[in-house]
Amino acid sequence: MKKTITVTLIVLVLLVVVFTNRWWVLMQVGSLMGPPALSEKSDEPGAVWFDDYYTVFEIDEKTFAIAETRYWQSNFNYLIIGSNRALLLDAGPGVRDFGPVVKSLTDQPYVFTPSRPAMDT
C-alpha cells in the first residue's frame, strides 16, 4: 500500500513538472533528437532564395519577410529597416544563424525582438 502511494505521488509530481514546463520538456526532447529533416526546396511566388534554407519576400523597400521555407513549421520573421537601425521580429527556432541573411539586406545594426518571452529555466 505504501509503495503504491509513493509511486502514485512520483507519477503526479512528474506530470505536474511536464505540464507546467511543457515547452522546456519539448525543447529537451527535440535537442536529443537533433534538428528535424528539411522540407523539399520549392519555388515560392515572389520569393528570392538567400541560400538553401531562407527565402526573402520584399514587402516594400524597407520591410522584408524572411521565411524558413524548408523548416517544417515554415516560420516567417520580419525585418524592418529604419533610418539608423533595423528591427528583426523573431528569429525562428535557431536551426540556422539569421545574421548572414539580415546582413545581406542591410548594413545597419539591428535589434532582435522575440515573438514571445523567453522561458524561465
PDB file of N, CA and C in Angstrom:
ATOM      1  N   MET A   1       0.820  -1.200   0.000  1.00  0.00           N
ATOM      2  CA  MET A   1       0.000   0.000   0.000  1.00  0.00           C
ATOM      3  C   MET A   1       0.865   1.265   0.000  1.00  0.00           C
ATOM      4  N   LYS A   2       1.883   1.274   0.884  1.00  0.00           N
ATOM      5  CA  LYS A   2       2.781   2.413   0.959  1.00  0.00           C
ATOM      6  C   LYS A   2       3.532   2.605  -0.356  1.00  0.00           C
ATOM      7  N   LYS A   3       3.926   1.501  -0.986  1.00  0.00           N
ATOM      8  CA  LYS A   3       4.655   1.554  -2.249  1.00  0.00           C
ATOM      9  C   LYS A   3       3.774   2.133  -3.353  1.00  0.00           C
ATOM     10  N   THR A   4       2.502   1.761  -3.369  1.00  0.00           N
ATOM     11  CA  THR A   4       1.560   2.274  -4.373  1.00  0.00           C
ATOM     12  C   THR A   4       1.369   3.775  -4.217  1.00  0.00           C
ATOM     13  N   ILE A   5       1.251   4.241  -2.995  1.00  0.00           N
ATOM     14  CA  ILE A   5       1.093   5.679  -2.746  1.00  0.00           C
ATOM     15  C   ILE A   5       2.343   6.430  -3.178  1.00  0.00           C
ATOM     16  N   THR A   6       3.510   5.885  -2.883  1.00  0.00           N
ATOM     17  CA  THR A   6       4.772   6.522  -3.268  1.00  0.00           C
ATOM     18  C   THR A   6       4.885   6.622  -4.785  1.00  0.00           C
ATOM     19  N   VAL A   7       4.592   5.537  -5.487  1.00  0.00           N
ATOM     20  CA  VAL A   7       4.661   5.533  -6.952  1.00  0.00           C
ATOM     21  C   VAL A   7       3.647   6.521  -7.530  1.00  0.00           C
ATOM     22  N   THR A   8       2.452   6.548  -6.987  1.00  0.00           N
ATOM     23  CA  THR A   8       1.418   7.483  -7.448  1.00  0.00           C
ATOM     24  C   THR A   8       1.864   8.924  -7.246  1.00  0.00           C
ATOM     25  N   LEU A   9       2.449   9.238  -6.106  1.00  0.00           N
ATOM     26  CA  LEU A   9       2.940  10.591  -5.853  1.00  0.00           C
ATOM     27  C   LEU A   9       4.061  10.978  -6.818  1.00  0.00           C
ATOM     28  N   ILE A  10       4.957  10.042  -7.086  1.00  0.00           N
ATOM     29  CA  ILE A  10       6.052  10.317  -8.031  1.00  0.00           C
ATOM     30  C   ILE A  10       5.487  10.593  -9.417  1.00  0.00           C
ATOM     31  N   VAL A  11       4.528   9.798  -9.847  1.00  0.00           N
ATOM     32  CA  VAL A  11       3.912   9.998 -11.163  1.00  0.00           C
ATOM     33  C   VAL A  11       3.200  11.348 -11.208  1.00  0.00           C
ATOM     34  N   LEU A  12       2.483  11.707 -10.170  1.00  0.00           N
ATOM     35  CA  LEU A  12       1.800  13.000 -10.129  1.00  0.00           C
ATOM     36  C   LEU A  12       2.781  14.168 -10.184  1.00  0.00           C
ATOM     37  N   VAL A  13       3.871  14.068  -9.448  1.00  0.00           N
ATOM     38  CA  VAL A  13       4.887  15.123  -9.474  1.00  0.00           C
ATOM     39  C   VAL A  13       5.479  15.250 -10.873  1.00  0.00           C
ATOM     40  N   LEU A  14       5.789  14.136 -11.517  1.00  0.00           N
ATOM     41  CA  LEU A  14       6.325  14.174 -12.879  1.00  0.00           C
ATOM     42  C   LEU A  14       5.333  14.795 -13.859  1.00  0.00           C
ATOM     43  N   LEU A  15       4.055  14.447 -13.719  1.00  0.00           N
ATOM     44  CA  LEU A  15       3.035  15.038 -14.588  1.00  0.00           C
ATOM     45  C   LEU A  15       2.934  16.544 -14.391  1.00  0.00           C
ATOM     46  N   VAL A  16       2.998  16.999 -13.146  1.00  0.00           N
ATOM     47  CA  VAL A  16       2.957  18.436 -12.876  1.00  0.00           C
ATOM     48  C   VAL A  16       4.165  19.127 -13.499  1.00  0.00           C
ATOM     49  N   VAL A  17       5.345  18.540 -13.347  1.00  0.00           N
ATOM     50  CA  VAL A  17       6.559  19.120 -13.922  1.00  0.00           C
ATOM     51  C   VAL A  17       6.448  19.191 -15.442  1.00  0.00           C
ATOM     52  N   VAL A  18       6.005  18.117 -16.055  1.00  0.00           N
ATOM     53  CA  VAL A  18       5.899  18.082 -17.520  1.00  0.00           C
ATOM     54  C   VAL A  18       4.882  19.105 -18.009  1.00  0.00           C
ATOM     55  N   PHE A  19       3.706  19.172 -17.401  1.00  0.00           N
ATOM     56  CA  PHE A  19       2.675  20.078 -17.893  1.00  0.00           C
ATOM     57  C   PHE A  19       2.954  21.543 -17.576  1.00  0.00           C
ATOM     58  N   THR A  20       3.609  21.841 -16.480  1.00  0.00           N
ATOM     59  CA  THR A  20       3.913  23.239 -16.178  1.00  0.00           C
ATOM     60  C   THR A  20       5.146  23.728 -16.935  1.00  0.00           C
ATOM     61  N   ASN A  21       5.977  22.823 -17.385  1.00  0.00           N
ATOM     62  CA  ASN A  21       7.192  23.194 -18.127  1.00  0.00           C
ATOM     63  C   ASN A  21       7.218  22.498 -19.482  1.00  0.00           C
ATOM     64  N   ARG A  22       6.064  22.385 -20.126  1.00  0.00           N
ATOM     65  CA  ARG A  22       5.989  21.587 -21.362  1.00  0.00           C
ATOM     66  C   ARG A  22       6.906  22.092 -22.467  1.00  0.00           C
ATOM     67  N   TRP A  23       7.077  23.426 -22.591  1.00  0.00           N
ATOM     68  CA  TRP A  23       7.959  23.943 -23.638  1.00  0.00           C
ATOM     69  C   TRP A  23       9.403  23.536 -23.358  1.00  0.00           C
ATOM     70  N   TRP A  24       9.797  23.603 -22.107  1.00  0.00           N
ATOM     71  CA  TRP A  24      11.161  23.196 -21.753  1.00  0.00           C
ATOM     72  C   TRP A  24      11.357  21.711 -22.036  1.00  0.00           C
ATOM     73  N   VAL A  25      10.382  20.895 -21.668  1.00  0.00           N
ATOM     74  CA  VAL A  25      10.476  19.450 -21.912  1.00  0.00           C
ATOM     75  C   VAL A  25      10.556  19.177 -23.408  1.00  0.00           C
ATOM     76  N   LEU A  26       9.710  19.843 -24.196  1.00  0.00           N
ATOM     77  CA  LEU A  26       9.741  19.647 -25.652  1.00  0.00           C
ATOM     78  C   LEU A  26      11.086  20.056 -26.244  1.00  0.00           C
ATOM     79  N   MET A  27      11.657  21.152 -25.741  1.00  0.00           N
ATOM     80  CA  MET A  27      12.963  21.584 -26.243  1.00  0.00           C
ATOM     81  C   MET A  27      14.040  20.562 -25.903  1.00  0.00           C
ATOM     82  N   GLN A  28      13.987  19.989 -24.706  1.00  0.00           N
ATOM     83  CA  GLN A  28      14.982  18.998 -24.315  1.00  0.00           C
ATOM     84  C   GLN A  28      14.867  17.740 -25.167  1.00  0.00           C
ATOM     85  N   VAL A  29      13.649  17.287 -25.387  1.00  0.00           N
ATOM     86  CA  VAL A  29      13.441  16.104 -26.225  1.00  0.00           C
ATOM     87  C   VAL A  29      13.896  16.397 -27.649  1.00  0.00           C
ATOM     88  N   GLY A  30      13.550  17.592 -28.161  1.00  0.00           N
ATOM     89  CA  GLY A  30      13.960  17.970 -29.509  1.00  0.00           C
ATOM     90  C   GLY A  30      15.465  18.056 -29.657  1.00  0.00           C
ATOM     91  N   SER A  31      16.159  18.539 -28.626  1.00  0.00           N
ATOM     92  CA  SER A  31      17.615  18.639 -28.716  1.00  0.00           C
ATOM     93  C   SER A  31      18.266  17.264 -28.721  1.00  0.00           C
ATOM     94  N   LEU A  32      17.640  16.298 -28.074  1.00  0.00           N
ATOM     95  CA  LEU A  32      18.173  14.933 -28.106  1.00  0.00           C
ATOM     96  C   LEU A  32      17.993  14.298 -29.478  1.00  0.00           C
ATOM     97  N   MET A  33      16.887  14.643 -30.132  1.00  0.00           N
ATOM     98  CA  MET A  33      16.583  14.053 -31.433  1.00  0.00           C
ATOM     99  C   MET A  33      17.329  14.757 -32.568  1.00  0.00           C
ATOM    100  N   GLY A  34      17.855  15.950 -32.334  1.00  0.00           N
ATOM    101  CA  GLY A  34      18.512  16.714 -33.379  1.00  0.00           C
ATOM    102  C   GLY A  34      17.488  17.481 -34.190  1.00  0.00           C
ATOM    103  N   PRO A  35      17.942  18.323 -35.107  1.00  0.00           N
ATOM    104  CA  PRO A  35      17.001  19.115 -35.897  1.00  0.00           C
ATOM    105  C   PRO A  35      16.182  18.220 -36.825  1.00  0.00           C
ATOM    106  N   PRO A  36      14.936  18.607 -37.078  1.00  0.00           N
ATOM    107  CA  PRO A  36      14.115  17.809 -37.990  1.00  0.00           C
ATOM    108  C   PRO A  36      14.642  17.905 -39.420  1.00  0.00           C
ATOM    109  N   ALA A  37      14.278  16.942 -40.205  1.00  0.00           N
ATOM    110  CA  ALA A  37      14.699  16.941 -41.608  1.00  0.00           C
ATOM    111  C   ALA A  37      14.113  18.162 -42.310  1.00  0.00           C
ATOM    112  N   LEU A  38      14.850  18.696 -43.277  1.00  0.00           N
ATOM    113  CA  LEU A  38      14.372  19.851 -44.031  1.00  0.00           C
ATOM    114  C   LEU A  38      13.322  19.424 -45.043  1.00  0.00           C
ATOM    115  N   SER A  39      12.338  20.302 -45.239  1.00  0.00           N
ATOM    116  CA  SER A  39      11.347  20.064 -46.278  1.00  0.00           C
ATOM    117  C   SER A  39      12.012  20.205 -47.638  1.00  0.00           C
ATOM    118  N   GLU A  40      11.358  19.691 -48.641  1.00  0.00           N
ATOM    119  CA  GLU A  40      11.886  19.818 -50.001  1.00  0.00           C
ATOM    120  C   GLU A  40      11.933  21.289 -50.411  1.00  0.00           C
ATOM    121  N   LYS A  41      12.959  21.650 -51.165  1.00  0.00           N
ATOM    122  CA  LYS A  41      13.084  23.014 -51.667  1.00  0.00           C
ATOM    123  C   LYS A  41      12.055  23.210 -52.774  1.00  0.00           C
ATOM    124  N   SER A  42      11.290  24.298 -52.685  1.00  0.00           N
ATOM    125  CA  SER A  42      10.263  24.562 -53.685  1.00  0.00           C
ATOM    126  C   SER A  42      10.301  26.032 -54.075  1.00  0.00           C
ATOM    127  N   ASP A  43       9.689  26.338 -55.192  1.00  0.00           N
ATOM    128  CA  ASP A  43       9.609  27.723 -55.645  1.00  0.00           C
ATOM    129  C   ASP A  43       8.383  28.382 -55.036  1.00  0.00           C
ATOM    130  N   GLU A  44       8.598  29.518 -54.402  1.00  0.00           N
ATOM    131  CA  GLU A  44       7.519  30.294 -53.805  1.00  0.00           C
ATOM    132  C   GLU A  44       7.316  31.540 -54.660  1.00  0.00           C
ATOM    133  N   PRO A  45       6.096  31.865 -55.038  1.00  0.00           N
ATOM    134  CA  PRO A  45       5.869  33.084 -55.824  1.00  0.00           C
ATOM    135  C   PRO A  45       6.354  34.324 -55.080  1.00  0.00           C
ATOM    136  N   GLY A  46       7.188  35.143 -55.722  1.00  0.00           N
ATOM    137  CA  GLY A  46       7.690  36.375 -55.129  1.00  0.00           C
ATOM    138  C   GLY A  46       8.870  36.205 -54.196  1.00  0.00           C
ATOM    139  N   ALA A  47       9.324  34.984 -54.001  1.00  0.00           N
ATOM    140  CA  ALA A  47      10.418  34.732 -53.062  1.00  0.00           C
ATOM    141  C   ALA A  47      11.758  34.717 -53.776  1.00  0.00           C
ATOM    142  N   VAL A  48      12.783  35.204 -53.074  1.00  0.00           N
ATOM    143  CA  VAL A  48      14.162  35.120 -53.543  1.00  0.00           C
ATOM    144  C   VAL A  48      14.890  34.233 -52.542  1.00  0.00           C
ATOM    145  N   TRP A  49      15.495  33.171 -53.024  1.00  0.00           N
ATOM    146  CA  TRP A  49      16.238  32.283 -52.123  1.00  0.00           C
ATOM    147  C   TRP A  49      17.511  32.971 -51.681  1.00  0.00           C
ATOM    148  N   PHE A  50      17.750  32.988 -50.365  1.00  0.00           N
ATOM    149  CA  PHE A  50      19.010  33.522 -49.842  1.00  0.00           C
ATOM    150  C   PHE A  50      20.084  32.439 -49.923  1.00  0.00           C
ATOM    151  N   ASP A  51      19.755  31.276 -49.507  1.00  0.00           N
ATOM    152  CA  ASP A  51      20.628  30.112 -49.580  1.00  0.00           C
ATOM    153  C   ASP A  51      19.713  28.905 -49.760  1.00  0.00           C
ATOM    154  N   ASP A  52      20.095  27.777 -49.302  1.00  0.00           N
ATOM    155  CA  ASP A  52      19.230  26.610 -49.465  1.00  0.00           C
ATOM    156  C   ASP A  52      18.186  26.490 -48.367  1.00  0.00           C
ATOM    157  N   TYR A  53      18.035  27.519 -47.522  1.00  0.00           N
ATOM    158  CA  TYR A  53      17.144  27.434 -46.369  1.00  0.00           C
ATOM    159  C   TYR A  53      16.146  28.592 -46.286  1.00  0.00           C
ATOM    160  N   TYR A  54      16.634  29.819 -46.435  1.00  0.00           N
ATOM    161  CA  TYR A  54      15.788  31.007 -46.291  1.00  0.00           C
ATOM    162  C   TYR A  54      15.271  31.487 -47.644  1.00  0.00           C
ATOM    163  N   THR A  55      14.034  31.999 -47.624  1.00  0.00           N
ATOM    164  CA  THR A  55      13.535  32.771 -48.757  1.00  0.00           C
ATOM    165  C   THR A  55      13.148  34.145 -48.228  1.00  0.00           C
ATOM    166  N   VAL A  56      13.348  35.155 -49.061  1.00  0.00           N
ATOM    167  CA  VAL A  56      13.092  36.534 -48.657  1.00  0.00           C
ATOM    168  C   VAL A  56      12.003  37.105 -49.553  1.00  0.00           C
ATOM    169  N   PHE A  57      11.001  37.705 -48.924  1.00  0.00           N
ATOM    170  CA  PHE A  57       9.918  38.386 -49.630  1.00  0.00           C
ATOM    171  C   PHE A  57      10.035  39.866 -49.323  1.00  0.00           C
ATOM    172  N   GLU A  58      10.126  40.696 -50.352  1.00  0.00           N
ATOM    173  CA  GLU A  58      10.194  42.140 -50.145  1.00  0.00           C
ATOM    174  C   GLU A  58       8.773  42.675 -50.053  1.00  0.00           C
ATOM    175  N   ILE A  59       8.411  43.192 -48.882  1.00  0.00           N
ATOM    176  CA  ILE A  59       7.085  43.779 -48.690  1.00  0.00           C
ATOM    177  C   ILE A  59       7.085  45.203 -49.229  1.00  0.00           C
ATOM    178  N   ASP A  60       8.113  45.956 -48.893  1.00  0.00           N
ATOM    179  CA  ASP A  60       8.408  47.252 -49.513  1.00  0.00           C
ATOM    180  C   ASP A  60       9.908  47.446 -49.395  1.00  0.00           C
ATOM    181  N   GLU A  61      10.430  48.602 -49.774  1.00  0.00           N
ATOM    182  CA  GLU A  61      11.885  48.774 -49.811  1.00  0.00           C
ATOM    183  C   GLU A  61      12.552  48.709 -48.438  1.00  0.00           C
ATOM    184  N   LYS A  62      11.789  48.830 -47.366  1.00  0.00           N
ATOM    185  CA  LYS A  62      12.353  48.807 -46.012  1.00  0.00           C
ATOM    186  C   LYS A  62      11.795  47.675 -45.138  1.00  0.00           C
ATOM    187  N   THR A  63      10.969  46.811 -45.696  1.00  0.00           N
ATOM    188  CA  THR A  63      10.334  45.747 -44.922  1.00  0.00           C
ATOM    189  C   THR A  63      10.442  44.425 -45.667  1.00  0.00           C
ATOM    190  N   PHE A  64      10.938  43.403 -44.947  1.00  0.00           N
ATOM    191  CA  PHE A  64      11.130  42.096 -45.557  1.00  0.00           C
ATOM    192  C   PHE A  64      10.547  40.995 -44.676  1.00  0.00           C
ATOM    193  N   ALA A  65       9.936  40.031 -45.317  1.00  0.00           N
ATOM    194  CA  ALA A  65       9.523  38.811 -44.620  1.00  0.00           C
ATOM    195  C   ALA A  65      10.571  37.765 -44.963  1.00  0.00           C
ATOM    196  N   ILE A  66      11.171  37.196 -43.946  1.00  0.00           N
ATOM    197  CA  ILE A  66      12.211  36.187 -44.138  1.00  0.00           C
ATOM    198  C   ILE A  66      11.614  34.852 -43.707  1.00  0.00           C
ATOM    199  N   ALA A  67      11.473  33.960 -44.651  1.00  0.00           N
ATOM    200  CA  ALA A  67      10.827  32.676 -44.360  1.00  0.00           C
ATOM    201  C   ALA A  67      11.860  31.570 -44.226  1.00  0.00           C
ATOM    202  N   GLU A  68      11.629  30.716 -43.263  1.00  0.00           N
ATOM    203  CA  GLU A  68      12.407  29.488 -43.147  1.00  0.00           C
ATOM    204  C   GLU A  68      11.615  28.421 -43.903  1.00  0.00           C
ATOM    205  N   THR A  69      11.638  28.553 -45.203  1.00  0.00           N
ATOM    206  CA  THR A  69      10.779  27.778 -46.090  1.00  0.00           C
ATOM    207  C   THR A  69      10.992  26.280 -45.950  1.00  0.00           C
ATOM    208  N   ARG A  70      12.203  25.875 -45.675  1.00  0.00           N
ATOM    209  CA  ARG A  70      12.481  24.444 -45.620  1.00  0.00           C
ATOM    210  C   ARG A  70      12.330  23.846 -44.229  1.00  0.00           C
ATOM    211  N   TYR A  71      12.067  24.693 -43.233  1.00  0.00           N
ATOM    212  CA  TYR A  71      11.811  24.180 -41.884  1.00  0.00           C
ATOM    213  C   TYR A  71      10.371  23.687 -41.840  1.00  0.00           C
ATOM    214  N   TRP A  72      10.101  22.640 -41.102  1.00  0.00           N
ATOM    215  CA  TRP A  72       8.782  22.013 -41.133  1.00  0.00           C
ATOM    216  C   TRP A  72       7.657  22.935 -40.690  1.00  0.00           C
ATOM    217  N   GLN A  73       7.959  23.968 -39.898  1.00  0.00           N
ATOM    218  CA  GLN A  73       6.922  24.911 -39.474  1.00  0.00           C
ATOM    219  C   GLN A  73       6.768  26.082 -40.444  1.00  0.00           C
ATOM    220  N   SER A  74       7.668  26.232 -41.392  1.00  0.00           N
ATOM    221  CA  SER A  74       7.665  27.359 -42.339  1.00  0.00           C
ATOM    222  C   SER A  74       7.525  28.698 -41.619  1.00  0.00           C
ATOM    223  N   ASN A  75       8.429  28.962 -40.682  1.00  0.00           N
ATOM    224  CA  ASN A  75       8.392  30.203 -39.901  1.00  0.00           C
ATOM    225  C   ASN A  75       8.615  31.422 -40.784  1.00  0.00           C
ATOM    226  N   PHE A  76       7.945  32.519 -40.430  1.00  0.00           N
ATOM    227  CA  PHE A  76       8.179  33.817 -41.052  1.00  0.00           C
ATOM    228  C   PHE A  76       8.683  34.768 -39.988  1.00  0.00           C
ATOM    229  N   ASN A  77       9.712  35.526 -40.336  1.00  0.00           N
ATOM    230  CA  ASN A  77      10.317  36.506 -39.448  1.00  0.00           C
ATOM    231  C   ASN A  77      10.390  37.803 -40.248  1.00  0.00           C
ATOM    232  N   TYR A  78      10.337  38.927 -39.578  1.00  0.00           N
ATOM    233  CA  TYR A  78      10.216  40.198 -40.292  1.00  0.00           C
ATOM    234  C   TYR A  78      11.370  41.129 -39.955  1.00  0.00           C
ATOM    235  N   LEU A  79      11.914  41.754 -40.998  1.00  0.00           N
ATOM    236  CA  LEU A  79      12.979  42.741 -40.847  1.00  0.00           C
ATOM    237  C   LEU A  79      12.445  44.080 -41.297  1.00  0.00           C
ATOM    238  N   ILE A  80      12.485  45.060 -40.384  1.00  0.00           N
ATOM    239  CA  ILE A  80      12.042  46.418 -40.688  1.00  0.00           C
ATOM    240  C   ILE A  80      13.261  47.321 -40.573  1.00  0.00           C
ATOM    241  N   ILE A  81      13.591  47.989 -41.662  1.00  0.00           N
ATOM    242  CA  ILE A  81      14.797  48.818 -41.715  1.00  0.00           C
ATOM    243  C   ILE A  81      14.414  50.278 -41.499  1.00  0.00           C
ATOM    244  N   GLY A  82      14.969  50.868 -40.444  1.00  0.00           N
ATOM    245  CA  GLY A  82      14.726  52.280 -40.147  1.00  0.00           C
ATOM    246  C   GLY A  82      15.849  53.141 -40.689  1.00  0.00           C
ATOM    247  N   SER A  83      15.877  54.405 -40.255  1.00  0.00           N
ATOM    248  CA  SER A  83      16.901  55.309 -40.762  1.00  0.00           C
ATOM    249  C   SER A  83      18.246  55.106 -40.070  1.00  0.00           C
ATOM    250  N   ASN A  84      18.265  54.599 -38.827  1.00  0.00           N
ATOM    251  CA  ASN A  84      19.516  54.404 -38.101  1.00  0.00           C
ATOM    252  C   ASN A  84      19.821  52.959 -37.748  1.00  0.00           C
ATOM    253  N   ARG A  85      18.795  52.138 -37.684  1.00  0.00           N
ATOM    254  CA  ARG A  85      18.974  50.725 -37.332  1.00  0.00           C
ATOM    255  C   ARG A  85      17.795  49.932 -37.855  1.00  0.00           C
ATOM    256  N   ALA A  86      17.911  48.640 -37.750  1.00  0.00           N
ATOM    257  CA  ALA A  86      16.853  47.752 -38.218  1.00  0.00           C
ATOM    258  C   ALA A  86      16.311  46.945 -37.038  1.00  0.00           C
ATOM    259  N   LEU A  87      15.106  46.428 -37.212  1.00  0.00           N
ATOM    260  CA  LEU A  87      14.458  45.605 -36.198  1.00  0.00           C
ATOM    261  C   LEU A  87      14.120  44.253 -36.812  1.00  0.00           C
ATOM    262  N   LEU A  88      14.590  43.198 -36.182  1.00  0.00           N
ATOM    263  CA  LEU A  88      14.262  41.838 -36.605  1.00  0.00           C
ATOM    264  C   LEU A  88      13.240  41.280 -35.627  1.00  0.00           C
ATOM    265  N   LEU A  89      12.030  41.029 -36.112  1.00  0.00           N
ATOM    266  CA  LEU A  89      10.974  40.464 -35.287  1.00  0.00           C
ATOM    267  C   LEU A  89      11.017  38.950 -35.421  1.00  0.00           C
ATOM    268  N   ASP A  90      11.419  38.315 -34.364  1.00  0.00           N
ATOM    269  CA  ASP A  90      11.556  36.870 -34.260  1.00  0.00           C
ATOM    270  C   ASP A  90      12.810  36.407 -35.005  1.00  0.00           C
ATOM    271  N   ALA A  91      13.243  35.221 -34.717  1.00  0.00           N
ATOM    272  CA  ALA A  91      14.422  34.662 -35.380  1.00  0.00           C
ATOM    273  C   ALA A  91      14.316  33.148 -35.479  1.00  0.00           C
ATOM    274  N   GLY A  92      13.097  32.645 -35.543  1.00  0.00           N
ATOM    275  CA  GLY A  92      12.889  31.226 -35.764  1.00  0.00           C
ATOM    276  C   GLY A  92      13.337  30.340 -34.619  1.00  0.00           C
ATOM    277  N   PRO A  93      13.445  29.042 -34.889  1.00  0.00           N
ATOM    278  CA  PRO A  93      13.779  28.083 -33.837  1.00  0.00           C
ATOM    279  C   PRO A  93      15.267  27.950 -33.565  1.00  0.00           C
ATOM    280  N   GLY A  94      16.102  28.682 -34.283  1.00  0.00           N
ATOM    281  CA  GLY A  94      17.539  28.615 -34.031  1.00  0.00           C
ATOM    282  C   GLY A  94      18.248  27.506 -34.773  1.00  0.00           C
ATOM    283  N   VAL A  95      17.614  26.982 -35.816  1.00  0.00           N
ATOM    284  CA  VAL A  95      18.240  25.930 -36.612  1.00  0.00           C
ATOM    285  C   VAL A  95      19.413  26.493 -37.413  1.00  0.00           C
ATOM    286  N   ARG A  96      19.268  27.708 -37.917  1.00  0.00           N
ATOM    287  CA  ARG A  96      20.318  28.383 -38.678  1.00  0.00           C
ATOM    288  C   ARG A  96      20.538  29.791 -38.131  1.00  0.00           C
ATOM    289  N   ASP A  97      21.705  30.340 -38.409  1.00  0.00           N
ATOM    290  CA  ASP A  97      22.060  31.693 -37.982  1.00  0.00           C
ATOM    291  C   ASP A  97      21.387  32.711 -38.901  1.00  0.00           C
ATOM    292  N   PHE A  98      20.657  33.659 -38.302  1.00  0.00           N
ATOM    293  CA  PHE A  98      19.968  34.697 -39.063  1.00  0.00           C
ATOM    294  C   PHE A  98      20.900  35.813 -39.527  1.00  0.00           C
ATOM    295  N   GLY A  99      22.066  35.945 -38.907  1.00  0.00           N
ATOM    296  CA  GLY A  99      22.971  37.056 -39.214  1.00  0.00           C
ATOM    297  C   GLY A  99      23.259  37.245 -40.690  1.00  0.00           C
ATOM    298  N   PRO A 100      23.679  36.212 -41.416  1.00  0.00           N
ATOM    299  CA  PRO A 100      24.014  36.412 -42.830  1.00  0.00           C
ATOM    300  C   PRO A 100      22.849  36.907 -43.694  1.00  0.00           C
ATOM    301  N   VAL A 101      21.656  36.395 -43.461  1.00  0.00           N
ATOM    302  CA  VAL A 101      20.525  36.841 -44.287  1.00  0.00           C
ATOM    303  C   VAL A 101      20.169  38.294 -43.970  1.00  0.00           C
ATOM    304  N   VAL A 102      20.233  38.692 -42.689  1.00  0.00           N
ATOM    305  CA  VAL A 102      19.950  40.084 -42.325  1.00  0.00           C
ATOM    306  C   VAL A 102      21.022  40.996 -42.907  1.00  0.00           C
ATOM    307  N   LYS A 103      22.283  40.603 -42.805  1.00  0.00           N
ATOM    308  CA  LYS A 103      23.377  41.425 -43.338  1.00  0.00           C
ATOM    309  C   LYS A 103      23.323  41.551 -44.853  1.00  0.00           C
ATOM    310  N   SER A 104      22.689  40.596 -45.519  1.00  0.00           N
ATOM    311  CA  SER A 104      22.547  40.700 -46.973  1.00  0.00           C
ATOM    312  C   SER A 104      21.488  41.734 -47.362  1.00  0.00           C
ATOM    313  N   LEU A 105      20.627  42.107 -46.405  1.00  0.00           N
ATOM    314  CA  LEU A 105      19.539  43.043 -46.687  1.00  0.00           C
ATOM    315  C   LEU A 105      19.810  44.460 -46.196  1.00  0.00           C
ATOM    316  N   THR A 106      20.708  44.609 -45.204  1.00  0.00           N
ATOM    317  CA  THR A 106      21.007  45.943 -44.674  1.00  0.00           C
ATOM    318  C   THR A 106      22.406  45.964 -44.060  1.00  0.00           C
ATOM    319  N   ASP A 107      23.040  47.146 -44.124  1.00  0.00           N
ATOM    320  CA  ASP A 107      24.332  47.360 -43.462  1.00  0.00           C
ATOM    321  C   ASP A 107      24.141  47.932 -42.058  1.00  0.00           C
ATOM    322  N   GLN A 108      22.916  48.293 -41.717  1.00  0.00           N
ATOM    323  CA  GLN A 108      22.654  48.926 -40.428  1.00  0.00           C
ATOM    324  C   GLN A 108      22.701  47.895 -39.301  1.00  0.00           C
ATOM    325  N   PRO A 109      23.051  48.357 -38.100  1.00  0.00           N
ATOM    326  CA  PRO A 109      22.957  47.448 -36.951  1.00  0.00           C
ATOM    327  C   PRO A 109      21.483  47.104 -36.730  1.00  0.00           C
ATOM    328  N   TYR A 110      21.249  45.933 -36.185  1.00  0.00           N
ATOM    329  CA  TYR A 110      19.853  45.554 -35.967  1.00  0.00           C
ATOM    330  C   TYR A 110      19.631  45.049 -34.550  1.00  0.00           C
ATOM    331  N   VAL A 111      18.395  45.210 -34.112  1.00  0.00           N
ATOM    332  CA  VAL A 111      17.949  44.767 -32.802  1.00  0.00           C
ATOM    333  C   VAL A 111      17.007  43.593 -33.039  1.00  0.00           C
ATOM    334  N   PHE A 112      17.134  42.586 -32.216  1.00  0.00           N
ATOM    335  CA  PHE A 112      16.281  41.407 -32.317  1.00  0.00           C
ATOM    336  C   PHE A 112      15.223  41.428 -31.223  1.00  0.00           C
ATOM    337  N   THR A 113      13.986  41.148 -31.578  1.00  0.00           N
ATOM    338  CA  THR A 113      12.892  41.041 -30.620  1.00  0.00           C
ATOM    339  C   THR A 113      12.199  39.706 -30.824  1.00  0.00           C
ATOM    340  N   PRO A 114      12.177  38.850 -29.794  1.00  0.00           N
ATOM    341  CA  PRO A 114      11.478  37.560 -29.943  1.00  0.00           C
ATOM    342  C   PRO A 114       9.964  37.785 -30.000  1.00  0.00           C
ATOM    343  N   SER A 115       9.267  36.834 -30.621  1.00  0.00           N
ATOM    344  CA  SER A 115       7.816  36.958 -30.736  1.00  0.00           C
ATOM    345  C   SER A 115       7.094  36.554 -29.463  1.00  0.00           C
ATOM    346  N   ARG A 116       7.788  35.884 -28.562  1.00  0.00           N
ATOM    347  CA  ARG A 116       7.205  35.557 -27.267  1.00  0.00           C
ATOM    348  C   ARG A 116       8.321  35.635 -26.235  1.00  0.00           C
ATOM    349  N   PRO A 117       7.973  35.851 -24.983  1.00  0.00           N
ATOM    350  CA  PRO A 117       9.014  35.983 -23.952  1.00  0.00           C
ATOM    351  C   PRO A 117       9.831  34.707 -23.817  1.00  0.00           C
ATOM    352  N   ALA A 118      11.067  34.872 -23.458  1.00  0.00           N
ATOM    353  CA  ALA A 118      11.913  33.702 -23.194  1.00  0.00           C
ATOM    354  C   ALA A 118      11.364  32.961 -21.989  1.00  0.00           C
ATOM    355  N   MET A 119      11.544  31.661 -22.003  1.00  0.00           N
ATOM    356  CA  MET A 119      11.042  30.828 -20.902  1.00  0.00           C
ATOM    357  C   MET A 119      12.010  30.871 -19.737  1.00  0.00           C
ATOM    358  N   ASP A 120      11.476  30.819 -18.546  1.00  0.00           N
ATOM    359  CA  ASP A 120      12.316  30.708 -17.360  1.00  0.00           C
ATOM    360  C   ASP A 120      12.866  29.302 -17.289  1.00  0.00           C
ATOM    361  N   THR A 121      14.108  29.186 -16.857  1.00  0.00           N
ATOM    362  CA  THR A 121      14.697  27.852 -16.725  1.00  0.00           C
ATOM    363  C   THR A 121      14.872  27.500 -15.281  1.00  0.00           C
TER     364      THR A 121
END
